[in-house]
Amino acid sequence: MMRRLHSFRRSGGALLLALCAGLPAAHAANPGKGANAKPAAAPAGQADAPPPEQFVDGIAAVVDKDVITLRELRDASQRMAAELKARNIQVPDDNTLRHQVLQRLIMDRVQRHEADRLGIRVDDAQVDAAVQSIAARNKISVDQLRKEIEKSGSTWDGYRKSLREEIRMDRLRQRAVDSTIVISTRKWTPS
């Protein structure tokens, strides 16, 4: 699987089984086309058509039987655009941004599945040690770090969960690197 992971990175997304992202929304926007396109009868007191602001979810990609929904893609794209704007980095056009975010979501899923398969786990003590290390590098206490995280709009639990996943992915990458190192037992003799 690790060889596939590396070749996936080089191939630029051969694992991608992406579907047309606009198809479900476009279909929902034109429910009246065709003779048999009328929706099923709505319960009493409801209109026949859904309100226009309702988001119709669909599949953006499938990774090892795991679905990435259009809603996940939309939300991640919005977060990425906000992060880029906050850093004064030009935000690419919507299609380019969605494509880049989808590739990242796919890679994240592939890596998570591989970490699961290999049984890579990170316990609370390891997360606590990482939190203490981050606080020490920033020359602040853990309580001050927590306040800064919460002040930025994130939750402490969300931060710890994100940190746990980051440590897990680092261990996966380290394992991939370690598996490619070959140490020869041959003795060196000068010529």
N, C-alpha and C. Protein backbone atom coordinates (compact mmCIF):
# COMPACT_ATOMS: atom_id res chain seq x y z
N MET A 1 0.83 -1.20 0.00
CA MET A 1 0.00 0.00 0.00
C MET A 1 0.86 1.25 0.00
N MET A 2 2.01 1.20 0.70
CA MET A 2 2.86 2.39 0.75
C MET A 2 3.40 2.72 -0.63
N ARG A 3 3.74 1.68 -1.43
CA ARG A 3 4.18 1.97 -2.79
C ARG A 3 3.06 2.64 -3.56
N ARG A 4 1.83 2.17 -3.35
CA ARG A 4 0.69 2.80 -4.02
C ARG A 4 0.51 4.23 -3.54
N LEU A 5 0.75 4.47 -2.25
CA LEU A 5 0.63 5.82 -1.71
C LEU A 5 1.63 6.74 -2.38
N HIS A 6 2.88 6.27 -2.51
CA HIS A 6 3.90 7.10 -3.15
C HIS A 6 3.60 7.29 -4.63
N SER A 7 3.18 6.23 -5.32
CA SER A 7 2.86 6.39 -6.74
C SER A 7 1.63 7.24 -6.92
N PHE A 8 0.71 7.21 -5.96
CA PHE A 8 -0.46 8.07 -6.03
C PHE A 8 -0.05 9.53 -5.98
N ARG A 9 0.89 9.85 -5.09
CA ARG A 9 1.35 11.23 -4.99
C ARG A 9 1.98 11.67 -6.30
N ARG A 10 2.79 10.80 -6.91
CA ARG A 10 3.47 11.17 -8.15
C ARG A 10 2.50 11.25 -9.31
N SER A 11 1.51 10.38 -9.35
CA SER A 11 0.61 10.34 -10.50
C SER A 11 -0.40 11.47 -10.49
N GLY A 12 -0.54 12.16 -9.38
CA GLY A 12 -1.43 13.30 -9.33
C GLY A 12 -2.89 12.93 -9.14
N GLY A 13 -3.17 11.75 -8.66
CA GLY A 13 -4.55 11.45 -8.31
C GLY A 13 -5.16 10.31 -9.08
N ALA A 14 -4.40 9.27 -9.39
CA ALA A 14 -4.94 8.14 -10.14
C ALA A 14 -6.06 7.45 -9.38
N LEU A 15 -6.07 7.57 -8.06
CA LEU A 15 -7.08 6.91 -7.25
C LEU A 15 -8.41 7.65 -7.28
N LEU A 16 -8.40 8.84 -7.81
CA LEU A 16 -9.58 9.69 -7.79
C LEU A 16 -10.71 9.11 -8.64
N LEU A 17 -11.84 8.92 -8.02
CA LEU A 17 -13.04 8.50 -8.72
C LEU A 17 -14.06 9.62 -8.60
N ALA A 18 -13.63 10.82 -9.00
CA ALA A 18 -14.47 11.99 -8.79
C ALA A 18 -15.64 11.98 -9.76
N LEU A 19 -16.74 12.42 -9.25
CA LEU A 19 -17.93 12.58 -10.09
C LEU A 19 -18.12 14.05 -10.40
N CYS A 20 -18.92 14.34 -11.34
CA CYS A 20 -19.16 15.72 -11.72
C CYS A 20 -19.79 16.46 -10.54
N ALA A 21 -19.07 17.42 -9.98
CA ALA A 21 -19.50 18.11 -8.77
C ALA A 21 -20.77 18.94 -9.00
N GLY A 22 -20.97 19.45 -10.17
CA GLY A 22 -22.12 20.29 -10.42
C GLY A 22 -23.38 19.54 -10.79
N LEU A 23 -23.28 18.27 -11.11
CA LEU A 23 -24.43 17.52 -11.60
C LEU A 23 -25.58 17.45 -10.60
N PRO A 24 -25.38 17.06 -9.33
CA PRO A 24 -26.53 16.98 -8.42
C PRO A 24 -27.20 18.34 -8.21
N ALA A 25 -26.41 19.39 -8.07
CA ALA A 25 -26.98 20.71 -7.85
C ALA A 25 -27.73 21.19 -9.09
N ALA A 26 -27.16 20.93 -10.28
CA ALA A 26 -27.82 21.36 -11.50
C ALA A 26 -29.13 20.60 -11.70
N HIS A 27 -29.10 19.31 -11.39
CA HIS A 27 -30.32 18.49 -11.53
C HIS A 27 -31.39 18.98 -10.56
N ALA A 28 -31.00 19.32 -9.34
CA ALA A 28 -31.96 19.80 -8.35
C ALA A 28 -32.52 21.17 -8.74
N ALA A 29 -31.72 21.96 -9.43
CA ALA A 29 -32.15 23.30 -9.82
C ALA A 29 -33.18 23.25 -10.95
N ASN A 30 -33.22 22.15 -11.73
CA ASN A 30 -34.14 22.03 -12.85
C ASN A 30 -35.03 20.80 -12.69
N PRO A 31 -35.81 20.71 -11.61
CA PRO A 31 -36.60 19.50 -11.40
C PRO A 31 -37.74 19.34 -12.39
N GLY A 32 -38.14 20.37 -13.10
CA GLY A 32 -39.30 20.28 -13.96
C GLY A 32 -39.01 19.75 -15.35
N LYS A 33 -37.76 19.46 -15.71
CA LYS A 33 -37.43 18.98 -17.04
C LYS A 33 -37.90 17.54 -17.21
N GLY A 34 -38.44 17.24 -18.36
CA GLY A 34 -38.87 15.88 -18.66
C GLY A 34 -40.27 15.62 -18.14
N ALA A 35 -40.93 14.62 -18.75
CA ALA A 35 -42.31 14.34 -18.40
C ALA A 35 -42.44 13.69 -17.03
N ASN A 36 -41.46 12.89 -16.63
CA ASN A 36 -41.55 12.16 -15.37
C ASN A 36 -40.68 12.79 -14.28
N ALA A 37 -40.37 14.05 -14.39
CA ALA A 37 -39.45 14.68 -13.45
C ALA A 37 -40.14 15.25 -12.22
N LYS A 38 -41.45 15.13 -12.12
CA LYS A 38 -42.16 15.69 -10.98
C LYS A 38 -41.79 14.92 -9.72
N PRO A 39 -41.44 15.64 -8.62
CA PRO A 39 -41.06 14.95 -7.39
C PRO A 39 -42.25 14.22 -6.80
N ALA A 40 -41.96 13.29 -5.90
CA ALA A 40 -43.00 12.53 -5.22
C ALA A 40 -43.86 13.50 -4.41
N ALA A 41 -45.08 13.09 -4.13
CA ALA A 41 -46.00 13.96 -3.40
C ALA A 41 -45.41 14.33 -2.05
N ALA A 42 -45.48 15.62 -1.71
CA ALA A 42 -44.95 16.10 -0.44
C ALA A 42 -45.99 15.91 0.64
N PRO A 43 -45.55 15.74 1.89
CA PRO A 43 -46.50 15.62 2.99
C PRO A 43 -47.35 16.89 3.08
N ALA A 44 -48.52 16.76 3.68
CA ALA A 44 -49.45 17.89 3.78
C ALA A 44 -48.77 19.09 4.44
N GLY A 45 -49.02 20.25 3.89
CA GLY A 45 -48.48 21.48 4.46
C GLY A 45 -47.12 21.87 3.90
N GLN A 46 -46.53 21.07 3.00
CA GLN A 46 -45.23 21.40 2.43
C GLN A 46 -45.39 21.69 0.96
N ALA A 47 -44.53 22.54 0.44
CA ALA A 47 -44.55 22.87 -0.99
C ALA A 47 -44.01 21.69 -1.78
N ASP A 48 -44.34 21.66 -3.09
CA ASP A 48 -43.88 20.58 -3.95
C ASP A 48 -42.37 20.60 -4.15
N ALA A 49 -41.76 21.78 -4.29
CA ALA A 49 -40.33 21.89 -4.57
C ALA A 49 -39.58 22.32 -3.30
N PRO A 50 -38.34 21.85 -3.15
CA PRO A 50 -37.56 22.28 -1.98
C PRO A 50 -37.23 23.77 -2.11
N PRO A 51 -37.04 24.44 -0.98
CA PRO A 51 -36.67 25.85 -1.06
C PRO A 51 -35.35 26.01 -1.79
N PRO A 52 -35.15 27.12 -2.53
CA PRO A 52 -33.94 27.29 -3.34
C PRO A 52 -32.66 27.34 -2.52
N GLU A 53 -32.72 27.73 -1.25
CA GLU A 53 -31.50 27.81 -0.45
C GLU A 53 -31.06 26.46 0.11
N GLN A 54 -31.87 25.42 -0.08
CA GLN A 54 -31.52 24.10 0.42
C GLN A 54 -30.36 23.55 -0.40
N PHE A 55 -29.34 23.03 0.29
CA PHE A 55 -28.17 22.46 -0.38
C PHE A 55 -28.41 20.99 -0.64
N VAL A 56 -28.24 20.57 -1.89
CA VAL A 56 -28.40 19.18 -2.26
C VAL A 56 -27.01 18.55 -2.23
N ASP A 57 -26.81 17.59 -1.33
CA ASP A 57 -25.50 16.96 -1.19
C ASP A 57 -25.35 15.85 -2.20
N GLY A 58 -24.12 15.57 -2.55
CA GLY A 58 -23.82 14.50 -3.48
C GLY A 58 -22.42 14.00 -3.22
N ILE A 59 -21.91 13.18 -4.11
CA ILE A 59 -20.59 12.58 -3.95
C ILE A 59 -19.58 13.36 -4.78
N ALA A 60 -18.50 13.79 -4.13
CA ALA A 60 -17.41 14.45 -4.84
C ALA A 60 -16.36 13.43 -5.25
N ALA A 61 -16.09 12.43 -4.37
CA ALA A 61 -15.09 11.40 -4.66
C ALA A 61 -15.32 10.21 -3.74
N VAL A 62 -14.79 9.07 -4.16
CA VAL A 62 -14.85 7.85 -3.36
C VAL A 62 -13.41 7.36 -3.20
N VAL A 63 -13.00 7.16 -1.93
CA VAL A 63 -11.64 6.69 -1.64
C VAL A 63 -11.76 5.43 -0.79
N ASP A 64 -11.40 4.29 -1.36
CA ASP A 64 -11.47 3.02 -0.63
C ASP A 64 -12.82 2.84 0.06
N LYS A 65 -13.90 3.01 -0.62
CA LYS A 65 -15.27 2.87 -0.11
C LYS A 65 -15.67 3.98 0.86
N ASP A 66 -14.83 4.98 1.03
CA ASP A 66 -15.12 6.13 1.89
C ASP A 66 -15.52 7.29 0.99
N VAL A 67 -16.65 7.91 1.29
CA VAL A 67 -17.20 8.95 0.43
C VAL A 67 -16.79 10.34 0.93
N ILE A 68 -16.35 11.17 0.00
CA ILE A 68 -16.14 12.59 0.27
C ILE A 68 -17.32 13.29 -0.38
N THR A 69 -18.13 13.95 0.44
CA THR A 69 -19.35 14.57 -0.07
C THR A 69 -19.07 15.95 -0.65
N LEU A 70 -20.00 16.42 -1.45
CA LEU A 70 -19.90 17.78 -1.99
C LEU A 70 -19.93 18.80 -0.86
N ARG A 71 -20.68 18.52 0.19
CA ARG A 71 -20.75 19.43 1.35
C ARG A 71 -19.39 19.54 2.02
N GLU A 72 -18.70 18.39 2.22
CA GLU A 72 -17.36 18.41 2.79
C GLU A 72 -16.41 19.22 1.92
N LEU A 73 -16.51 19.03 0.62
CA LEU A 73 -15.66 19.75 -0.32
C LEU A 73 -15.95 21.25 -0.26
N ARG A 74 -17.21 21.61 -0.24
CA ARG A 74 -17.59 23.02 -0.16
C ARG A 74 -17.08 23.66 1.13
N ASP A 75 -17.30 22.98 2.27
CA ASP A 75 -16.88 23.51 3.56
C ASP A 75 -15.36 23.66 3.63
N ALA A 76 -14.64 22.64 3.16
CA ALA A 76 -13.17 22.69 3.17
C ALA A 76 -12.66 23.79 2.24
N SER A 77 -13.32 23.98 1.10
CA SER A 77 -12.92 25.04 0.17
C SER A 77 -13.13 26.41 0.80
N GLN A 78 -14.24 26.58 1.50
CA GLN A 78 -14.50 27.86 2.17
C GLN A 78 -13.47 28.13 3.26
N ARG A 79 -13.12 27.10 4.04
CA ARG A 79 -12.10 27.27 5.09
C ARG A 79 -10.76 27.63 4.48
N MET A 80 -10.40 26.97 3.38
CA MET A 80 -9.12 27.24 2.73
C MET A 80 -9.09 28.65 2.17
N ALA A 81 -10.18 29.08 1.55
CA ALA A 81 -10.24 30.44 1.01
C ALA A 81 -10.09 31.46 2.14
N ALA A 82 -10.74 31.22 3.27
CA ALA A 82 -10.63 32.13 4.41
C ALA A 82 -9.20 32.17 4.95
N GLU A 83 -8.55 31.00 5.03
CA GLU A 83 -7.16 30.95 5.51
C GLU A 83 -6.24 31.71 4.56
N LEU A 84 -6.42 31.53 3.26
CA LEU A 84 -5.58 32.23 2.29
C LEU A 84 -5.78 33.74 2.39
N LYS A 85 -7.03 34.17 2.51
CA LYS A 85 -7.31 35.60 2.64
C LYS A 85 -6.69 36.17 3.90
N ALA A 86 -6.76 35.41 5.00
CA ALA A 86 -6.20 35.87 6.27
C ALA A 86 -4.69 36.04 6.18
N ARG A 87 -4.05 35.27 5.31
CA ARG A 87 -2.59 35.35 5.14
C ARG A 87 -2.20 36.27 3.97
N ASN A 88 -3.18 36.97 3.42
CA ASN A 88 -2.97 37.87 2.28
C ASN A 88 -2.38 37.14 1.07
N ILE A 89 -2.86 35.92 0.84
CA ILE A 89 -2.46 35.13 -0.32
C ILE A 89 -3.62 35.13 -1.29
N GLN A 90 -3.32 35.35 -2.57
CA GLN A 90 -4.38 35.40 -3.57
C GLN A 90 -5.10 34.06 -3.65
N VAL A 91 -6.42 34.10 -3.58
CA VAL A 91 -7.25 32.90 -3.64
C VAL A 91 -7.46 32.56 -5.11
N PRO A 92 -7.17 31.30 -5.52
CA PRO A 92 -7.40 30.92 -6.92
C PRO A 92 -8.89 30.91 -7.25
N ASP A 93 -9.20 30.82 -8.55
CA ASP A 93 -10.60 30.76 -8.95
C ASP A 93 -11.26 29.54 -8.32
N ASP A 94 -12.59 29.55 -8.27
CA ASP A 94 -13.35 28.51 -7.56
C ASP A 94 -13.03 27.10 -8.03
N ASN A 95 -12.95 26.90 -9.35
CA ASN A 95 -12.70 25.55 -9.88
C ASN A 95 -11.31 25.05 -9.47
N THR A 96 -10.31 25.91 -9.57
CA THR A 96 -8.95 25.53 -9.18
C THR A 96 -8.88 25.23 -7.69
N LEU A 97 -9.50 26.10 -6.89
CA LEU A 97 -9.49 25.90 -5.44
C LEU A 97 -10.17 24.58 -5.08
N ARG A 98 -11.35 24.31 -5.65
CA ARG A 98 -12.06 23.06 -5.37
C ARG A 98 -11.22 21.85 -5.77
N HIS A 99 -10.57 21.94 -6.93
CA HIS A 99 -9.74 20.83 -7.39
C HIS A 99 -8.59 20.57 -6.42
N GLN A 100 -7.91 21.62 -5.98
CA GLN A 100 -6.78 21.48 -5.05
C GLN A 100 -7.25 20.95 -3.70
N VAL A 101 -8.37 21.46 -3.21
CA VAL A 101 -8.90 21.00 -1.93
C VAL A 101 -9.34 19.54 -2.03
N LEU A 102 -9.96 19.17 -3.14
CA LEU A 102 -10.38 17.77 -3.32
C LEU A 102 -9.18 16.85 -3.32
N GLN A 103 -8.11 17.24 -4.00
CA GLN A 103 -6.90 16.41 -3.99
C GLN A 103 -6.36 16.24 -2.58
N ARG A 104 -6.40 17.32 -1.80
CA ARG A 104 -5.91 17.24 -0.43
C ARG A 104 -6.81 16.34 0.43
N LEU A 105 -8.12 16.45 0.27
CA LEU A 105 -9.04 15.60 1.01
C LEU A 105 -8.82 14.13 0.68
N ILE A 106 -8.60 13.84 -0.60
CA ILE A 106 -8.35 12.47 -1.03
C ILE A 106 -7.06 11.94 -0.42
N MET A 107 -6.00 12.75 -0.47
CA MET A 107 -4.72 12.32 0.10
C MET A 107 -4.85 12.08 1.61
N ASP A 108 -5.58 12.97 2.29
CA ASP A 108 -5.80 12.79 3.73
C ASP A 108 -6.50 11.47 4.01
N ARG A 109 -7.52 11.15 3.22
CA ARG A 109 -8.26 9.89 3.43
C ARG A 109 -7.36 8.68 3.17
N VAL A 110 -6.58 8.74 2.10
CA VAL A 110 -5.68 7.63 1.78
C VAL A 110 -4.70 7.41 2.93
N GLN A 111 -4.14 8.50 3.44
CA GLN A 111 -3.17 8.38 4.54
C GLN A 111 -3.84 7.86 5.81
N ARG A 112 -5.05 8.35 6.12
CA ARG A 112 -5.75 7.86 7.31
C ARG A 112 -6.04 6.37 7.20
N HIS A 113 -6.48 5.92 6.03
CA HIS A 113 -6.76 4.50 5.85
C HIS A 113 -5.49 3.67 6.01
N GLU A 114 -4.37 4.17 5.50
CA GLU A 114 -3.12 3.44 5.63
C GLU A 114 -2.67 3.40 7.09
N ALA A 115 -2.83 4.51 7.82
CA ALA A 115 -2.48 4.53 9.24
C ALA A 115 -3.37 3.55 10.02
N ASP A 116 -4.65 3.50 9.68
CA ASP A 116 -5.56 2.54 10.32
C ASP A 116 -5.10 1.11 10.04
N ARG A 117 -4.77 0.84 8.79
CA ARG A 117 -4.35 -0.50 8.38
C ARG A 117 -3.10 -0.94 9.13
N LEU A 118 -2.18 0.01 9.34
CA LEU A 118 -0.93 -0.30 10.03
C LEU A 118 -1.06 -0.25 11.55
N GLY A 119 -2.22 0.15 12.04
CA GLY A 119 -2.45 0.19 13.49
C GLY A 119 -1.71 1.33 14.19
N ILE A 120 -1.48 2.43 13.50
CA ILE A 120 -0.79 3.57 14.10
C ILE A 120 -1.79 4.33 14.96
N ARG A 121 -1.48 4.43 16.24
CA ARG A 121 -2.35 5.10 17.21
C ARG A 121 -1.56 6.13 17.99
N VAL A 122 -2.24 7.16 18.47
CA VAL A 122 -1.63 8.18 19.31
C VAL A 122 -2.51 8.32 20.55
N ASP A 123 -1.93 8.09 21.73
CA ASP A 123 -2.72 8.16 22.95
C ASP A 123 -2.68 9.57 23.56
N ASP A 124 -3.49 9.78 24.60
CA ASP A 124 -3.60 11.10 25.23
C ASP A 124 -2.27 11.59 25.79
N ALA A 125 -1.46 10.69 26.36
CA ALA A 125 -0.18 11.09 26.92
C ALA A 125 0.75 11.65 25.84
N GLN A 126 0.69 11.08 24.65
CA GLN A 126 1.52 11.57 23.55
C GLN A 126 1.03 12.94 23.07
N VAL A 127 -0.27 13.15 23.06
CA VAL A 127 -0.82 14.45 22.69
C VAL A 127 -0.44 15.49 23.75
N ASP A 128 -0.54 15.11 25.03
CA ASP A 128 -0.15 16.01 26.12
C ASP A 128 1.30 16.43 25.98
N ALA A 129 2.19 15.47 25.67
CA ALA A 129 3.61 15.78 25.51
C ALA A 129 3.82 16.74 24.34
N ALA A 130 3.08 16.56 23.25
CA ALA A 130 3.19 17.45 22.09
C ALA A 130 2.71 18.86 22.45
N VAL A 131 1.61 18.95 23.20
CA VAL A 131 1.08 20.25 23.63
C VAL A 131 2.11 20.97 24.49
N GLN A 132 2.73 20.24 25.44
CA GLN A 132 3.74 20.85 26.30
C GLN A 132 4.95 21.31 25.49
N SER A 133 5.34 20.54 24.49
CA SER A 133 6.46 20.90 23.63
C SER A 133 6.15 22.17 22.83
N ILE A 134 4.94 22.25 22.30
CA ILE A 134 4.53 23.43 21.52
C ILE A 134 4.51 24.67 22.42
N ALA A 135 3.97 24.53 23.61
CA ALA A 135 3.92 25.66 24.56
C ALA A 135 5.34 26.09 24.92
N ALA A 136 6.23 25.14 25.19
CA ALA A 136 7.61 25.47 25.56
C ALA A 136 8.34 26.17 24.41
N ARG A 137 8.15 25.72 23.18
CA ARG A 137 8.78 26.37 22.02
C ARG A 137 8.31 27.81 21.87
N ASN A 138 7.05 28.07 22.23
CA ASN A 138 6.50 29.42 22.13
C ASN A 138 6.71 30.22 23.41
N LYS A 139 7.40 29.60 24.38
CA LYS A 139 7.72 30.25 25.66
C LYS A 139 6.47 30.75 26.39
N ILE A 140 5.44 29.89 26.39
CA ILE A 140 4.21 30.17 27.13
C ILE A 140 3.79 28.91 27.87
N SER A 141 2.86 29.06 28.81
CA SER A 141 2.36 27.89 29.53
C SER A 141 1.28 27.20 28.68
N VAL A 142 0.93 25.99 29.09
CA VAL A 142 -0.13 25.25 28.39
C VAL A 142 -1.45 26.01 28.51
N ASP A 143 -1.72 26.60 29.68
CA ASP A 143 -2.95 27.38 29.85
C ASP A 143 -2.99 28.58 28.91
N GLN A 144 -1.84 29.26 28.74
CA GLN A 144 -1.78 30.39 27.81
C GLN A 144 -1.99 29.91 26.37
N LEU A 145 -1.41 28.76 26.03
CA LEU A 145 -1.60 28.20 24.70
C LEU A 145 -3.07 27.92 24.46
N ARG A 146 -3.72 27.34 25.46
CA ARG A 146 -5.15 27.02 25.35
C ARG A 146 -5.96 28.30 25.12
N LYS A 147 -5.66 29.35 25.86
CA LYS A 147 -6.38 30.62 25.70
C LYS A 147 -6.16 31.20 24.30
N GLU A 148 -4.94 31.08 23.79
CA GLU A 148 -4.64 31.59 22.44
C GLU A 148 -5.41 30.80 21.39
N ILE A 149 -5.47 29.50 21.56
CA ILE A 149 -6.20 28.64 20.61
C ILE A 149 -7.69 29.02 20.63
N GLU A 150 -8.25 29.16 21.81
CA GLU A 150 -9.67 29.50 21.92
C GLU A 150 -9.95 30.92 21.43
N LYS A 151 -8.99 31.82 21.63
CA LYS A 151 -9.15 33.19 21.15
C LYS A 151 -9.18 33.25 19.62
N SER A 152 -8.48 32.31 18.99
CA SER A 152 -8.44 32.27 17.52
C SER A 152 -9.73 31.72 16.91
N GLY A 153 -10.65 31.24 17.77
CA GLY A 153 -11.92 30.74 17.27
C GLY A 153 -12.01 29.22 17.23
N SER A 154 -10.93 28.54 17.55
CA SER A 154 -10.95 27.07 17.58
C SER A 154 -11.27 26.59 18.98
N THR A 155 -11.70 25.35 19.08
CA THR A 155 -11.93 24.77 20.40
C THR A 155 -10.68 24.01 20.81
N TRP A 156 -10.49 23.85 22.11
CA TRP A 156 -9.33 23.12 22.62
C TRP A 156 -9.41 21.65 22.20
N ASP A 157 -10.62 21.07 22.28
CA ASP A 157 -10.78 19.68 21.86
C ASP A 157 -10.48 19.50 20.38
N GLY A 158 -10.93 20.45 19.57
CA GLY A 158 -10.65 20.40 18.13
C GLY A 158 -9.16 20.51 17.85
N TYR A 159 -8.48 21.37 18.60
CA TYR A 159 -7.03 21.54 18.45
C TYR A 159 -6.30 20.25 18.80
N ARG A 160 -6.70 19.63 19.92
CA ARG A 160 -6.06 18.38 20.34
C ARG A 160 -6.33 17.26 19.32
N LYS A 161 -7.53 17.21 18.79
CA LYS A 161 -7.86 16.19 17.79
C LYS A 161 -7.01 16.39 16.53
N SER A 162 -6.87 17.63 16.11
CA SER A 162 -6.06 17.96 14.94
C SER A 162 -4.60 17.59 15.19
N LEU A 163 -4.11 17.90 16.38
CA LEU A 163 -2.73 17.59 16.74
C LEU A 163 -2.51 16.08 16.76
N ARG A 164 -3.48 15.33 17.30
CA ARG A 164 -3.39 13.86 17.33
C ARG A 164 -3.26 13.30 15.92
N GLU A 165 -4.07 13.83 15.00
CA GLU A 165 -4.05 13.34 13.63
C GLU A 165 -2.73 13.72 12.94
N GLU A 166 -2.22 14.90 13.25
CA GLU A 166 -0.94 15.34 12.67
C GLU A 166 0.20 14.44 13.14
N ILE A 167 0.22 14.10 14.42
CA ILE A 167 1.25 13.19 14.96
C ILE A 167 1.13 11.83 14.28
N ARG A 168 -0.08 11.38 14.11
CA ARG A 168 -0.33 10.08 13.47
C ARG A 168 0.19 10.06 12.04
N MET A 169 -0.06 11.14 11.29
CA MET A 169 0.41 11.21 9.91
C MET A 169 1.93 11.31 9.85
N ASP A 170 2.53 12.02 10.81
CA ASP A 170 4.00 12.09 10.87
C ASP A 170 4.58 10.69 11.08
N ARG A 171 3.96 9.90 11.94
CA ARG A 171 4.43 8.53 12.18
C ARG A 171 4.28 7.67 10.93
N LEU A 172 3.19 7.88 10.21
CA LEU A 172 3.00 7.14 8.96
C LEU A 172 4.09 7.49 7.96
N ARG A 173 4.38 8.78 7.80
CA ARG A 173 5.42 9.21 6.87
C ARG A 173 6.79 8.67 7.31
N GLN A 174 7.06 8.70 8.62
CA GLN A 174 8.33 8.18 9.13
C GLN A 174 8.46 6.69 8.83
N ARG A 175 7.37 5.97 9.01
CA ARG A 175 7.39 4.53 8.72
C ARG A 175 7.66 4.29 7.23
N ALA A 176 7.10 5.14 6.38
CA ALA A 176 7.32 5.00 4.93
C ALA A 176 8.78 5.26 4.60
N VAL A 177 9.39 6.26 5.24
CA VAL A 177 10.79 6.57 5.00
C VAL A 177 11.67 5.44 5.51
N ASP A 178 11.38 4.96 6.73
CA ASP A 178 12.17 3.88 7.32
C ASP A 178 12.14 2.62 6.46
N SER A 179 11.01 2.37 5.80
CA SER A 179 10.90 1.15 5.00
C SER A 179 11.71 1.24 3.71
N THR A 180 12.13 2.43 3.31
CA THR A 180 12.91 2.58 2.08
C THR A 180 14.41 2.60 2.34
N ILE A 181 14.82 2.70 3.60
CA ILE A 181 16.25 2.74 3.93
C ILE A 181 16.79 1.31 3.97
N VAL A 182 17.88 1.11 3.24
CA VAL A 182 18.53 -0.20 3.21
C VAL A 182 19.95 -0.01 3.72
N ILE A 183 20.31 -0.77 4.74
CA ILE A 183 21.66 -0.69 5.30
C ILE A 183 22.41 -1.93 4.86
N SER A 184 23.51 -1.69 4.19
CA SER A 184 24.33 -2.79 3.70
C SER A 184 25.22 -3.31 4.81
N THR A 185 25.45 -4.61 4.83
CA THR A 185 26.33 -5.22 5.83
C THR A 185 27.71 -5.46 5.24
N ARG A 186 27.93 -5.07 4.01
CA ARG A 186 29.22 -5.28 3.35
C ARG A 186 30.27 -4.35 3.94
N LYS A 187 31.43 -4.85 4.21
CA LYS A 187 32.51 -4.05 4.76
C LYS A 187 33.14 -3.21 3.68
N TRP A 188 33.55 -2.03 4.08
CA TRP A 188 34.22 -1.12 3.16
C TRP A 188 35.71 -1.37 3.22
N THR A 189 36.32 -1.48 2.07
CA THR A 189 37.78 -1.63 2.02
C THR A 189 38.33 -0.56 1.11
N PRO A 190 39.39 0.12 1.56
CA PRO A 190 39.97 1.17 0.71
C PRO A 190 40.61 0.57 -0.53
N SER A 191 40.57 1.32 -1.63
CA SER A 191 41.14 0.81 -2.88
C SER A 191 42.62 1.03 -2.93
